[in-house]
């Protein structure tokens, strides 16, 4: 089953966040991931005041998503994201249907 990393991001330092945005795609790709959602227009429907910039990454498995998030090559970028945003992130197992 595929694995997903879903993040809700409020950018607090646009310059630093731009460095993150420029560097992270290659790290995601090295771990077999790809963007399904990367920002984009957001239409709030139900109790969604806390949603800002939503990102959804798809990986071959939940284990691959977890390995990406905890990897040594993502660690400095994770710190950069943490320093330049207020964000929440979760890992979600896909539906096997």
C-alpha atoms as a PDB file:
ATOM      1  CA  UNK A   1       0.000   0.000   0.000  1.00  0.00           C
ATOM      2  CA  UNK A   2       1.186   3.469  -0.782  1.00  0.00           C
ATOM      3  CA  UNK A   3       2.144   5.883   1.971  1.00  0.00           C
ATOM      4  CA  UNK A   4       1.406   9.583   2.136  1.00  0.00           C
ATOM      5  CA  UNK A   5       2.954  12.492   3.941  1.00  0.00           C
ATOM      6  CA  UNK A   6       0.404  15.280   4.398  1.00  0.00           C
ATOM      7  CA  UNK A   7       1.536  18.665   5.665  1.00  0.00           C
ATOM      8  CA  UNK A   8      -0.248  21.896   6.478  1.00  0.00           C
ATOM      9  CA  UNK A   9       2.202  24.775   6.270  1.00  0.00           C
ATOM     10  CA  UNK A  10       1.981  28.426   7.300  1.00  0.00           C
ATOM     11  CA  UNK A  11       5.060  30.225   5.954  1.00  0.00           C
ATOM     12  CA  UNK A  12       6.601  32.648   8.454  1.00  0.00           C
ATOM     13  CA  UNK A  13       9.917  33.333   6.658  1.00  0.00           C
ATOM     14  CA  UNK A  14       9.341  33.370   2.885  1.00  0.00           C
ATOM     15  CA  UNK A  15      13.030  33.730   1.970  1.00  0.00           C
ATOM     16  CA  UNK A  16      14.130  30.725   4.034  1.00  0.00           C
ATOM     17  CA  UNK A  17      11.107  28.712   2.913  1.00  0.00           C
ATOM     18  CA  UNK A  18      12.029  29.355  -0.720  1.00  0.00           C
ATOM     19  CA  UNK A  19      15.411  27.708  -0.057  1.00  0.00           C
ATOM     20  CA  UNK A  20      13.533  24.704   1.352  1.00  0.00           C
ATOM     21  CA  UNK A  21      11.213  24.568  -1.675  1.00  0.00           C
ATOM     22  CA  UNK A  22      14.167  24.647  -4.059  1.00  0.00           C
ATOM     23  CA  UNK A  23      16.092  21.869  -2.309  1.00  0.00           C
ATOM     24  CA  UNK A  24      13.440  19.363  -1.225  1.00  0.00           C
ATOM     25  CA  UNK A  25      12.117  17.936  -4.548  1.00  0.00           C
ATOM     26  CA  UNK A  26      15.324  16.034  -5.297  1.00  0.00           C
ATOM     27  CA  UNK A  27      15.341  14.497  -1.796  1.00  0.00           C
ATOM     28  CA  UNK A  28      11.703  13.454  -2.161  1.00  0.00           C
ATOM     29  CA  UNK A  29      12.483  11.848  -5.539  1.00  0.00           C
ATOM     30  CA  UNK A  30      15.489   9.960  -4.136  1.00  0.00           C
ATOM     31  CA  UNK A  31      13.122   8.308  -1.670  1.00  0.00           C
ATOM     32  CA  UNK A  32      10.644   7.323  -4.391  1.00  0.00           C
ATOM     33  CA  UNK A  33       8.201  10.103  -3.562  1.00  0.00           C
ATOM     34  CA  UNK A  34       6.269  12.532  -5.695  1.00  0.00           C
ATOM     35  CA  UNK A  35       4.032  15.530  -5.157  1.00  0.00           C
ATOM     36  CA  UNK A  36       0.285  15.057  -5.492  1.00  0.00           C
ATOM     37  CA  UNK A  37      -0.531  18.472  -4.004  1.00  0.00           C
ATOM     38  CA  UNK A  38       1.922  21.348  -3.599  1.00  0.00           C
ATOM     39  CA  UNK A  39       0.195  24.439  -2.299  1.00  0.00           C
ATOM     40  CA  UNK A  40      -2.401  25.474  -4.812  1.00  0.00           C
ATOM     41  CA  UNK A  41      -5.763  27.105  -4.321  1.00  0.00           C
ATOM     42  CA  UNK A  42      -7.427  26.141  -1.060  1.00  0.00           C
ATOM     43  CA  UNK A  43     -11.199  26.210  -0.575  1.00  0.00           C
ATOM     44  CA  UNK A  44     -12.111  25.914   3.093  1.00  0.00           C
ATOM     45  CA  UNK A  45     -15.261  23.867   3.668  1.00  0.00           C
ATOM     46  CA  UNK A  46     -15.694  22.591   7.248  1.00  0.00           C
ATOM     47  CA  UNK A  47     -13.835  23.840  10.326  1.00  0.00           C
ATOM     48  CA  UNK A  48     -10.822  24.528   8.108  1.00  0.00           C
ATOM     49  CA  UNK A  49      -9.605  27.862   9.456  1.00  0.00           C
ATOM     50  CA  UNK A  50      -6.254  26.290  10.378  1.00  0.00           C
ATOM     51  CA  UNK A  51      -5.500  25.119   6.838  1.00  0.00           C
ATOM     52  CA  UNK A  52      -2.918  27.166   4.969  1.00  0.00           C
ATOM     53  CA  UNK A  53      -0.587  25.649   2.379  1.00  0.00           C
ATOM     54  CA  UNK A  54      -1.370  21.940   2.000  1.00  0.00           C
ATOM     55  CA  UNK A  55       1.194  19.493   0.612  1.00  0.00           C
ATOM     56  CA  UNK A  56       0.551  15.818  -0.143  1.00  0.00           C
ATOM     57  CA  UNK A  57       3.458  13.529  -1.026  1.00  0.00           C
ATOM     58  CA  UNK A  58       2.968   9.982  -2.266  1.00  0.00           C
ATOM     59  CA  UNK A  59       5.528   7.229  -1.619  1.00  0.00           C
ATOM     60  CA  UNK A  60       5.581   3.559  -2.661  1.00  0.00           C
ATOM     61  CA  UNK A  61       4.783   2.540   0.920  1.00  0.00           C
ATOM     62  CA  UNK A  62       4.268   3.932   4.398  1.00  0.00           C
ATOM     63  CA  UNK A  63       7.742   2.626   5.250  1.00  0.00           C
ATOM     64  CA  UNK A  64       9.247   4.629   2.355  1.00  0.00           C
ATOM     65  CA  UNK A  65       7.438   7.783   3.523  1.00  0.00           C
ATOM     66  CA  UNK A  66       8.709   7.221   7.056  1.00  0.00           C
ATOM     67  CA  UNK A  67      12.256   6.582   5.788  1.00  0.00           C
ATOM     68  CA  UNK A  68      12.162   9.862   3.837  1.00  0.00           C
ATOM     69  CA  UNK A  69      10.955  11.880   6.827  1.00  0.00           C
ATOM     70  CA  UNK A  70      13.579  10.426   9.189  1.00  0.00           C
ATOM     71  CA  UNK A  71      16.454  10.353   6.652  1.00  0.00           C
ATOM     72  CA  UNK A  72      19.798  12.060   7.121  1.00  0.00           C
ATOM     73  CA  UNK A  73      19.435  13.857   3.781  1.00  0.00           C
ATOM     74  CA  UNK A  74      16.054  15.354   4.760  1.00  0.00           C
ATOM     75  CA  UNK A  75      17.121  16.328   8.312  1.00  0.00           C
ATOM     76  CA  UNK A  76      18.681  19.713   7.420  1.00  0.00           C
ATOM     77  CA  UNK A  77      15.703  20.546   5.221  1.00  0.00           C
ATOM     78  CA  UNK A  78      13.272  19.547   7.957  1.00  0.00           C
ATOM     79  CA  UNK A  79      15.072  21.966  10.270  1.00  0.00           C
ATOM     80  CA  UNK A  80      14.896  24.700   7.619  1.00  0.00           C
ATOM     81  CA  UNK A  81      11.165  24.062   7.184  1.00  0.00           C
ATOM     82  CA  UNK A  82      10.676  24.138  10.938  1.00  0.00           C
ATOM     83  CA  UNK A  83      12.560  27.426  11.217  1.00  0.00           C
ATOM     84  CA  UNK A  84      10.617  29.063   8.369  1.00  0.00           C
ATOM     85  CA  UNK A  85       7.072  27.817   8.994  1.00  0.00           C
ATOM     86  CA  UNK A  86       4.448  26.804  11.482  1.00  0.00           C
ATOM     87  CA  UNK A  87       3.401  23.401  10.257  1.00  0.00           C
ATOM     88  CA  UNK A  88       1.788  20.085  11.007  1.00  0.00           C
ATOM     89  CA  UNK A  89       2.607  16.822   9.256  1.00  0.00           C
ATOM     90  CA  UNK A  90       1.246  13.284   9.346  1.00  0.00           C
ATOM     91  CA  UNK A  91       2.013   9.994   7.666  1.00  0.00           C
ATOM     92  CA  UNK A  92      -1.017   8.114   6.338  1.00  0.00           C
ATOM     93  CA  UNK A  93      -1.291   4.624   4.929  1.00  0.00           C
ATOM     94  CA  UNK A  94      -3.107   4.463   1.610  1.00  0.00           C
ATOM     95  CA  UNK A  95      -6.242   2.497   0.932  1.00  0.00           C
ATOM     96  CA  UNK A  96      -5.612  -0.936  -0.532  1.00  0.00           C
ATOM     97  CA  UNK A  97      -9.064  -1.280  -2.072  1.00  0.00           C
END
